[in-house]
């Protein structure tokens, strides 16, 4: 260890770290003047009728978790689709009709779960009629169609 020196001890005239001296009363540290608005009551308005409530920002972490949940649901729905097609074929439904009914079931479940996942991620942003309405409508129509196509 050439060139390194041990830290020198503080000199006797250097006291090192000193605690600040305590004031006589805790009020000394507070500001001596008050603002003009200090005496007025505080008014909180949760939702004004003139301005719409701002949609909260969705973090990328929430979106990533929602995407992973949605993909896991799609994998589960694919196995449900295969089981439904097999069930229909066993009930002597034509394989082409059973396959169509299975895909309609898959699409219906996918659209309904997409609406649910978006609503859970950020309800104030995605739980609107313009976003959730079409997703739920297509999902319900596909599920009803799967039941009718599977009866042939």
N, C-alpha and C. Protein backbone atom coordinates (compact mmCIF):
# COMPACT_ATOMS: atom_id res chain seq x y z
N UNK A 1 0.83 -1.16 0.00
CA UNK A 1 0.00 0.00 0.00
C UNK A 1 0.87 1.23 0.00
N UNK A 2 1.38 1.45 -1.11
CA UNK A 2 2.24 2.60 -1.27
C UNK A 2 1.38 3.80 -1.64
N UNK A 3 1.58 4.91 -1.12
CA UNK A 3 0.90 6.14 -1.48
C UNK A 3 -0.39 6.37 -0.71
N UNK A 4 -0.86 5.42 0.08
CA UNK A 4 -2.07 5.66 0.86
C UNK A 4 -1.66 5.95 2.29
N UNK A 5 -2.33 6.89 2.85
CA UNK A 5 -2.00 7.26 4.22
C UNK A 5 -3.21 6.97 5.09
N UNK A 6 -2.95 6.65 6.33
CA UNK A 6 -4.03 6.43 7.28
C UNK A 6 -4.67 7.78 7.59
N UNK A 7 -6.00 7.81 7.78
CA UNK A 7 -6.64 9.09 8.10
C UNK A 7 -6.08 9.63 9.40
N UNK A 8 -5.86 10.90 9.37
CA UNK A 8 -5.27 11.52 10.56
C UNK A 8 -6.36 11.76 11.60
N UNK A 9 -5.99 11.68 12.83
CA UNK A 9 -6.93 11.93 13.92
C UNK A 9 -7.26 13.41 13.97
N UNK A 10 -8.50 13.76 14.36
CA UNK A 10 -8.84 15.19 14.42
C UNK A 10 -7.95 15.91 15.44
N UNK A 11 -7.66 17.12 15.07
CA UNK A 11 -6.81 17.90 15.97
C UNK A 11 -7.59 18.28 17.22
N UNK A 12 -6.91 18.57 18.31
CA UNK A 12 -7.62 18.89 19.56
C UNK A 12 -8.49 20.14 19.44
N UNK A 13 -8.19 21.05 18.51
CA UNK A 13 -9.00 22.26 18.40
C UNK A 13 -10.27 22.01 17.59
N UNK A 14 -10.33 20.89 16.84
CA UNK A 14 -11.51 20.56 16.02
C UNK A 14 -12.44 19.69 16.85
N UNK A 15 -13.64 20.19 17.20
CA UNK A 15 -14.53 19.39 18.04
C UNK A 15 -15.23 18.27 17.26
N UNK A 16 -15.17 18.27 15.94
CA UNK A 16 -15.85 17.24 15.16
C UNK A 16 -17.33 17.59 15.02
N UNK A 17 -18.17 16.59 15.06
CA UNK A 17 -19.60 16.79 14.90
C UNK A 17 -20.21 17.39 16.15
N UNK A 18 -21.02 18.43 15.96
CA UNK A 18 -21.69 19.07 17.09
C UNK A 18 -23.18 19.05 16.87
N UNK A 19 -23.94 18.76 17.91
CA UNK A 19 -25.39 18.83 17.83
C UNK A 19 -25.81 20.30 17.87
N UNK A 20 -26.86 20.64 17.13
CA UNK A 20 -27.33 22.03 17.20
C UNK A 20 -27.88 22.31 18.59
N UNK A 21 -27.76 23.53 18.98
CA UNK A 21 -28.26 23.90 20.30
C UNK A 21 -29.77 23.97 20.26
N UNK A 22 -30.38 23.48 21.32
CA UNK A 22 -31.84 23.45 21.37
C UNK A 22 -32.36 24.84 21.68
N UNK A 23 -33.50 25.17 21.04
CA UNK A 23 -34.09 26.49 21.30
C UNK A 23 -34.91 26.42 22.58
N UNK A 24 -35.26 27.55 23.07
CA UNK A 24 -35.97 27.62 24.34
C UNK A 24 -37.37 27.01 24.21
N UNK A 25 -38.06 27.24 23.09
CA UNK A 25 -39.40 26.66 22.91
C UNK A 25 -39.53 26.15 21.47
N UNK A 26 -40.39 25.18 21.25
CA UNK A 26 -40.55 24.66 19.90
C UNK A 26 -41.19 25.67 18.95
N UNK A 27 -41.82 26.70 19.44
CA UNK A 27 -42.46 27.71 18.61
C UNK A 27 -41.45 28.58 17.87
N UNK A 28 -40.20 28.59 18.31
CA UNK A 28 -39.20 29.43 17.65
C UNK A 28 -38.92 28.97 16.22
N UNK A 29 -39.11 27.67 15.94
CA UNK A 29 -38.80 27.17 14.60
C UNK A 29 -39.94 27.41 13.62
N UNK A 30 -41.14 27.75 14.10
CA UNK A 30 -42.27 28.01 13.22
C UNK A 30 -42.19 29.41 12.64
N UNK A 31 -42.81 29.62 11.46
CA UNK A 31 -42.80 30.98 10.90
C UNK A 31 -43.59 31.94 11.79
N UNK A 32 -43.16 33.17 11.82
CA UNK A 32 -43.78 34.14 12.71
C UNK A 32 -44.99 34.83 12.08
N UNK A 33 -45.13 34.74 10.76
CA UNK A 33 -46.29 35.36 10.09
C UNK A 33 -47.17 34.26 9.51
N UNK A 34 -48.45 34.51 9.40
CA UNK A 34 -49.37 33.54 8.83
C UNK A 34 -49.83 34.03 7.46
N UNK A 35 -50.09 33.12 6.53
CA UNK A 35 -50.56 33.55 5.22
C UNK A 35 -52.00 34.07 5.30
N UNK A 36 -52.43 34.77 4.25
CA UNK A 36 -53.77 35.36 4.22
C UNK A 36 -54.86 34.30 4.24
N UNK A 37 -54.61 33.14 3.68
CA UNK A 37 -55.63 32.09 3.57
C UNK A 37 -55.70 31.19 4.79
N UNK A 38 -54.91 31.46 5.83
CA UNK A 38 -54.87 30.56 6.98
C UNK A 38 -56.17 30.55 7.76
N UNK A 39 -56.92 31.64 7.77
CA UNK A 39 -58.15 31.70 8.55
C UNK A 39 -59.37 31.24 7.79
N UNK A 40 -59.28 31.05 6.48
CA UNK A 40 -60.44 30.65 5.68
C UNK A 40 -60.68 29.14 5.79
N UNK A 41 -61.95 28.73 5.66
CA UNK A 41 -62.22 27.29 5.67
C UNK A 41 -61.76 26.65 4.36
N UNK A 42 -61.41 25.38 4.44
CA UNK A 42 -60.96 24.64 3.27
C UNK A 42 -62.17 23.99 2.61
N UNK A 43 -62.32 24.20 1.31
CA UNK A 43 -63.44 23.63 0.57
C UNK A 43 -62.92 22.57 -0.39
N UNK A 44 -63.45 21.35 -0.26
CA UNK A 44 -63.03 20.25 -1.11
C UNK A 44 -64.21 19.86 -1.99
N UNK A 45 -64.02 19.89 -3.32
CA UNK A 45 -65.07 19.51 -4.26
C UNK A 45 -64.58 18.27 -5.00
N UNK A 46 -65.14 17.06 -4.70
CA UNK A 46 -64.64 15.85 -5.34
C UNK A 46 -64.88 15.81 -6.84
N UNK A 47 -66.05 16.20 -7.30
CA UNK A 47 -66.33 16.18 -8.73
C UNK A 47 -67.13 17.40 -9.10
N UNK A 48 -66.56 18.27 -9.84
CA UNK A 48 -67.25 19.48 -10.26
C UNK A 48 -68.12 19.17 -11.47
N UNK A 49 -69.25 19.84 -11.60
CA UNK A 49 -70.12 19.60 -12.74
C UNK A 49 -69.61 20.32 -13.99
N UNK A 50 -68.76 21.30 -13.82
CA UNK A 50 -68.27 22.05 -14.98
C UNK A 50 -67.06 21.38 -15.62
N UNK A 51 -66.21 20.75 -14.83
CA UNK A 51 -65.01 20.11 -15.36
C UNK A 51 -65.10 18.61 -15.16
N UNK A 52 -64.80 17.82 -16.20
CA UNK A 52 -64.84 16.37 -16.02
C UNK A 52 -63.70 15.89 -15.13
N UNK A 53 -63.94 14.78 -14.48
CA UNK A 53 -62.91 14.20 -13.62
C UNK A 53 -61.81 13.66 -14.51
N UNK A 54 -60.59 14.02 -14.20
CA UNK A 54 -59.45 13.58 -15.00
C UNK A 54 -59.23 12.08 -14.81
N UNK A 55 -59.02 11.38 -15.91
CA UNK A 55 -58.74 9.95 -15.84
C UNK A 55 -57.34 9.75 -15.29
N UNK A 56 -57.23 8.82 -14.37
CA UNK A 56 -55.92 8.58 -13.78
C UNK A 56 -55.04 7.87 -14.79
N UNK A 57 -53.78 8.11 -14.68
CA UNK A 57 -52.83 7.52 -15.60
C UNK A 57 -52.59 6.07 -15.19
N UNK A 58 -52.54 5.20 -16.18
CA UNK A 58 -52.30 3.79 -15.92
C UNK A 58 -50.82 3.52 -16.09
N UNK A 59 -50.22 2.97 -15.08
CA UNK A 59 -48.78 2.71 -15.16
C UNK A 59 -48.52 1.53 -16.10
N UNK A 60 -47.32 1.48 -16.62
CA UNK A 60 -46.95 0.40 -17.53
C UNK A 60 -46.89 -0.93 -16.77
N UNK A 61 -46.64 -0.89 -15.49
CA UNK A 61 -46.63 -2.11 -14.69
C UNK A 61 -48.03 -2.72 -14.63
N UNK A 62 -49.05 -1.88 -14.43
CA UNK A 62 -50.42 -2.37 -14.42
C UNK A 62 -50.82 -2.95 -15.77
N UNK A 63 -50.42 -2.28 -16.84
CA UNK A 63 -50.73 -2.78 -18.18
C UNK A 63 -50.04 -4.11 -18.44
N UNK A 64 -48.80 -4.25 -17.98
CA UNK A 64 -48.07 -5.50 -18.19
C UNK A 64 -48.73 -6.65 -17.41
N UNK A 65 -49.13 -6.40 -16.18
CA UNK A 65 -49.80 -7.42 -15.39
C UNK A 65 -51.13 -7.80 -16.04
N UNK A 66 -51.87 -6.81 -16.51
CA UNK A 66 -53.13 -7.09 -17.19
C UNK A 66 -52.94 -7.89 -18.46
N UNK A 67 -51.88 -7.59 -19.21
CA UNK A 67 -51.61 -8.34 -20.44
C UNK A 67 -51.26 -9.79 -20.14
N UNK A 68 -50.48 -10.01 -19.09
CA UNK A 68 -50.11 -11.38 -18.71
C UNK A 68 -51.35 -12.15 -18.27
N UNK A 69 -52.21 -11.52 -17.49
CA UNK A 69 -53.45 -12.18 -17.05
C UNK A 69 -54.32 -12.52 -18.25
N UNK A 70 -54.42 -11.59 -19.20
CA UNK A 70 -55.24 -11.83 -20.39
C UNK A 70 -54.68 -12.98 -21.23
N UNK A 71 -53.38 -13.05 -21.39
CA UNK A 71 -52.78 -14.15 -22.17
C UNK A 71 -52.99 -15.49 -21.46
N UNK A 72 -52.87 -15.51 -20.14
CA UNK A 72 -53.13 -16.75 -19.39
C UNK A 72 -54.59 -17.18 -19.58
N UNK A 73 -55.51 -16.21 -19.54
CA UNK A 73 -56.91 -16.54 -19.77
C UNK A 73 -57.14 -17.08 -21.17
N UNK A 74 -56.46 -16.52 -22.17
CA UNK A 74 -56.60 -17.03 -23.54
C UNK A 74 -56.13 -18.47 -23.65
N UNK A 75 -55.06 -18.81 -22.97
CA UNK A 75 -54.57 -20.20 -22.99
C UNK A 75 -55.60 -21.12 -22.34
N UNK A 76 -56.15 -20.69 -21.21
CA UNK A 76 -57.18 -21.49 -20.54
C UNK A 76 -58.40 -21.64 -21.45
N UNK A 77 -58.81 -20.55 -22.10
CA UNK A 77 -59.98 -20.60 -22.99
C UNK A 77 -59.73 -21.51 -24.19
N UNK A 78 -58.50 -21.62 -24.63
CA UNK A 78 -58.21 -22.53 -25.74
C UNK A 78 -58.46 -23.98 -25.33
N UNK A 79 -58.07 -24.34 -24.11
CA UNK A 79 -58.34 -25.69 -23.63
C UNK A 79 -59.84 -25.90 -23.40
N UNK A 80 -60.53 -24.86 -22.93
CA UNK A 80 -61.99 -24.94 -22.77
C UNK A 80 -62.65 -25.14 -24.13
N UNK A 81 -62.16 -24.46 -25.14
CA UNK A 81 -62.69 -24.59 -26.50
C UNK A 81 -62.54 -26.02 -26.99
N UNK A 82 -61.34 -26.59 -26.78
CA UNK A 82 -61.11 -27.97 -27.22
C UNK A 82 -62.04 -28.94 -26.48
N UNK A 83 -62.25 -28.74 -25.21
CA UNK A 83 -63.14 -29.61 -24.44
C UNK A 83 -64.58 -29.47 -24.92
N UNK A 84 -64.99 -28.25 -25.24
CA UNK A 84 -66.36 -28.01 -25.73
C UNK A 84 -66.56 -28.67 -27.09
N UNK A 85 -65.59 -28.56 -27.97
CA UNK A 85 -65.69 -29.20 -29.29
C UNK A 85 -65.77 -30.72 -29.12
N UNK A 86 -64.95 -31.27 -28.27
CA UNK A 86 -65.00 -32.72 -28.02
C UNK A 86 -66.36 -33.13 -27.47
N UNK A 87 -66.90 -32.34 -26.55
CA UNK A 87 -68.21 -32.62 -25.97
C UNK A 87 -69.30 -32.61 -27.05
N UNK A 88 -69.22 -31.65 -27.96
CA UNK A 88 -70.23 -31.58 -29.01
C UNK A 88 -70.11 -32.74 -29.99
N UNK A 89 -68.89 -33.13 -30.31
CA UNK A 89 -68.70 -34.25 -31.22
C UNK A 89 -69.21 -35.55 -30.59
N UNK A 90 -69.01 -35.71 -29.29
CA UNK A 90 -69.53 -36.89 -28.59
C UNK A 90 -71.06 -36.89 -28.63
N UNK A 91 -71.67 -35.72 -28.60
CA UNK A 91 -73.13 -35.60 -28.67
C UNK A 91 -73.64 -35.70 -30.11
N UNK A 92 -72.80 -36.11 -31.03
CA UNK A 92 -73.13 -36.34 -32.43
C UNK A 92 -73.48 -35.07 -33.19
N UNK A 93 -72.77 -33.99 -32.89
CA UNK A 93 -72.85 -32.76 -33.69
C UNK A 93 -71.78 -32.88 -34.75
N UNK A 94 -72.06 -32.36 -35.93
CA UNK A 94 -71.08 -32.43 -37.03
C UNK A 94 -69.78 -31.75 -36.59
N UNK A 95 -68.64 -32.34 -36.95
CA UNK A 95 -67.36 -31.75 -36.52
C UNK A 95 -67.16 -30.31 -37.00
N UNK A 96 -67.64 -29.96 -38.18
CA UNK A 96 -67.48 -28.57 -38.64
C UNK A 96 -68.31 -27.61 -37.79
N UNK A 97 -69.55 -28.02 -37.46
CA UNK A 97 -70.38 -27.18 -36.59
C UNK A 97 -69.80 -27.10 -35.19
N UNK A 98 -69.27 -28.22 -34.71
CA UNK A 98 -68.66 -28.23 -33.37
C UNK A 98 -67.44 -27.33 -33.34
N UNK A 99 -66.63 -27.35 -34.41
CA UNK A 99 -65.45 -26.48 -34.47
C UNK A 99 -65.84 -25.01 -34.50
N UNK A 100 -66.88 -24.69 -35.28
CA UNK A 100 -67.35 -23.30 -35.33
C UNK A 100 -67.88 -22.85 -33.98
N UNK A 101 -68.64 -23.71 -33.32
CA UNK A 101 -69.17 -23.37 -32.00
C UNK A 101 -68.04 -23.20 -30.99
N UNK A 102 -67.01 -24.02 -31.12
CA UNK A 102 -65.86 -23.89 -30.21
C UNK A 102 -65.14 -22.57 -30.39
N UNK A 103 -64.94 -22.16 -31.65
CA UNK A 103 -64.27 -20.88 -31.88
C UNK A 103 -65.14 -19.70 -31.44
N UNK A 104 -66.46 -19.81 -31.62
CA UNK A 104 -67.34 -18.75 -31.13
C UNK A 104 -67.29 -18.66 -29.61
N UNK A 105 -67.23 -19.80 -28.95
CA UNK A 105 -67.08 -19.80 -27.49
C UNK A 105 -65.78 -19.12 -27.09
N UNK A 106 -64.70 -19.45 -27.78
CA UNK A 106 -63.40 -18.85 -27.49
C UNK A 106 -63.43 -17.33 -27.67
N UNK A 107 -64.01 -16.86 -28.78
CA UNK A 107 -64.08 -15.42 -29.05
C UNK A 107 -64.95 -14.72 -28.01
N UNK A 108 -66.08 -15.33 -27.67
CA UNK A 108 -66.96 -14.72 -26.67
C UNK A 108 -66.29 -14.58 -25.32
N UNK A 109 -65.64 -15.64 -24.88
CA UNK A 109 -64.93 -15.58 -23.59
C UNK A 109 -63.77 -14.59 -23.64
N UNK A 110 -63.08 -14.52 -24.78
CA UNK A 110 -61.95 -13.60 -24.91
C UNK A 110 -62.41 -12.15 -24.83
N UNK A 111 -63.50 -11.81 -25.51
CA UNK A 111 -63.99 -10.43 -25.48
C UNK A 111 -64.51 -10.05 -24.10
N UNK A 112 -65.22 -10.97 -23.45
CA UNK A 112 -65.71 -10.66 -22.10
C UNK A 112 -64.57 -10.50 -21.11
N UNK A 113 -63.55 -11.34 -21.23
CA UNK A 113 -62.41 -11.21 -20.30
C UNK A 113 -61.59 -9.97 -20.63
N UNK A 114 -61.52 -9.56 -21.90
CA UNK A 114 -60.83 -8.31 -22.23
C UNK A 114 -61.52 -7.13 -21.57
N UNK A 115 -62.85 -7.12 -21.60
CA UNK A 115 -63.59 -6.03 -20.94
C UNK A 115 -63.35 -6.06 -19.43
N UNK A 116 -63.33 -7.24 -18.84
CA UNK A 116 -63.12 -7.34 -17.39
C UNK A 116 -61.71 -6.92 -17.00
N UNK A 117 -60.70 -7.34 -17.77
CA UNK A 117 -59.32 -6.99 -17.44
C UNK A 117 -59.10 -5.49 -17.58
N UNK A 118 -59.64 -4.88 -18.64
CA UNK A 118 -59.51 -3.43 -18.80
C UNK A 118 -60.21 -2.68 -17.68
N UNK A 119 -61.36 -3.15 -17.27
CA UNK A 119 -62.08 -2.50 -16.18
C UNK A 119 -61.32 -2.61 -14.87
N UNK A 120 -60.63 -3.72 -14.65
CA UNK A 120 -59.86 -3.89 -13.42
C UNK A 120 -58.59 -3.06 -13.45
N UNK A 121 -57.97 -2.94 -14.62
CA UNK A 121 -56.72 -2.17 -14.73
C UNK A 121 -56.95 -0.71 -14.37
N UNK A 122 -57.93 -0.08 -15.00
CA UNK A 122 -58.20 1.33 -14.75
C UNK A 122 -59.67 1.58 -15.04
N UNK A 123 -60.50 1.51 -14.01
CA UNK A 123 -61.94 1.62 -14.19
C UNK A 123 -62.34 3.01 -14.69
N UNK A 124 -61.69 4.07 -14.21
CA UNK A 124 -62.08 5.41 -14.62
C UNK A 124 -61.77 5.69 -16.08
N UNK A 125 -60.83 4.97 -16.64
CA UNK A 125 -60.44 5.21 -18.03
C UNK A 125 -61.13 4.25 -19.00
N UNK A 126 -61.22 2.97 -18.62
CA UNK A 126 -61.70 1.96 -19.56
C UNK A 126 -63.13 1.50 -19.30
N UNK A 127 -63.70 1.77 -18.15
CA UNK A 127 -65.06 1.32 -17.84
C UNK A 127 -66.06 2.37 -18.32
N UNK A 128 -66.03 2.61 -19.62
CA UNK A 128 -66.96 3.54 -20.25
C UNK A 128 -67.76 2.77 -21.28
N UNK A 129 -68.88 3.34 -21.69
CA UNK A 129 -69.72 2.67 -22.67
C UNK A 129 -69.00 2.51 -24.01
N UNK A 130 -68.17 3.47 -24.37
CA UNK A 130 -67.48 3.42 -25.66
C UNK A 130 -66.44 2.30 -25.71
N UNK A 131 -65.87 1.93 -24.58
CA UNK A 131 -64.85 0.88 -24.56
C UNK A 131 -65.46 -0.46 -24.16
N UNK A 132 -66.17 -0.49 -23.05
CA UNK A 132 -66.69 -1.74 -22.52
C UNK A 132 -67.91 -2.24 -23.28
N UNK A 133 -68.75 -1.33 -23.75
CA UNK A 133 -69.98 -1.72 -24.45
C UNK A 133 -69.74 -2.63 -25.65
N UNK A 134 -68.91 -2.23 -26.61
CA UNK A 134 -68.68 -3.11 -27.76
C UNK A 134 -68.02 -4.45 -27.38
N UNK A 135 -67.11 -4.43 -26.41
CA UNK A 135 -66.47 -5.68 -26.00
C UNK A 135 -67.49 -6.65 -25.41
N UNK A 136 -68.35 -6.15 -24.55
CA UNK A 136 -69.36 -7.01 -23.92
C UNK A 136 -70.39 -7.45 -24.96
N UNK A 137 -70.79 -6.54 -25.86
CA UNK A 137 -71.78 -6.90 -26.87
C UNK A 137 -71.27 -8.01 -27.79
N UNK A 138 -70.06 -7.88 -28.29
CA UNK A 138 -69.50 -8.91 -29.17
C UNK A 138 -69.33 -10.22 -28.39
N UNK A 139 -68.91 -10.14 -27.14
CA UNK A 139 -68.74 -11.35 -26.34
C UNK A 139 -70.05 -12.08 -26.11
N UNK A 140 -71.10 -11.36 -25.77
CA UNK A 140 -72.40 -12.00 -25.51
C UNK A 140 -72.97 -12.58 -26.81
N UNK A 141 -72.87 -11.83 -27.92
CA UNK A 141 -73.37 -12.33 -29.20
C UNK A 141 -72.62 -13.60 -29.60
N UNK A 142 -71.31 -13.63 -29.40
CA UNK A 142 -70.53 -14.81 -29.76
C UNK A 142 -70.90 -16.01 -28.88
N UNK A 143 -71.15 -15.79 -27.59
CA UNK A 143 -71.53 -16.90 -26.71
C UNK A 143 -72.91 -17.46 -27.08
N UNK A 144 -73.85 -16.57 -27.40
CA UNK A 144 -75.18 -17.01 -27.81
C UNK A 144 -75.08 -17.77 -29.14
N UNK A 145 -74.29 -17.25 -30.06
CA UNK A 145 -74.09 -17.93 -31.35
C UNK A 145 -73.44 -19.28 -31.15
N UNK A 146 -72.52 -19.41 -30.21
CA UNK A 146 -71.87 -20.70 -29.94
C UNK A 146 -72.90 -21.72 -29.47
N UNK A 147 -73.86 -21.28 -28.65
CA UNK A 147 -74.89 -22.20 -28.18
C UNK A 147 -75.81 -22.64 -29.33
N UNK A 148 -76.19 -21.70 -30.21
CA UNK A 148 -77.09 -22.05 -31.31
C UNK A 148 -76.37 -22.88 -32.39
N UNK A 149 -75.13 -22.54 -32.70
CA UNK A 149 -74.40 -23.30 -33.71
C UNK A 149 -74.11 -24.71 -33.19
N UNK A 150 -73.88 -24.85 -31.91
CA UNK A 150 -73.58 -26.16 -31.34
C UNK A 150 -74.80 -27.06 -31.25
N UNK A 151 -76.02 -26.57 -31.48
CA UNK A 151 -77.22 -27.39 -31.41
C UNK A 151 -77.50 -28.13 -32.71
N UNK A 152 -76.90 -27.69 -33.80
CA UNK A 152 -77.20 -28.33 -35.10
C UNK A 152 -76.70 -29.73 -35.14
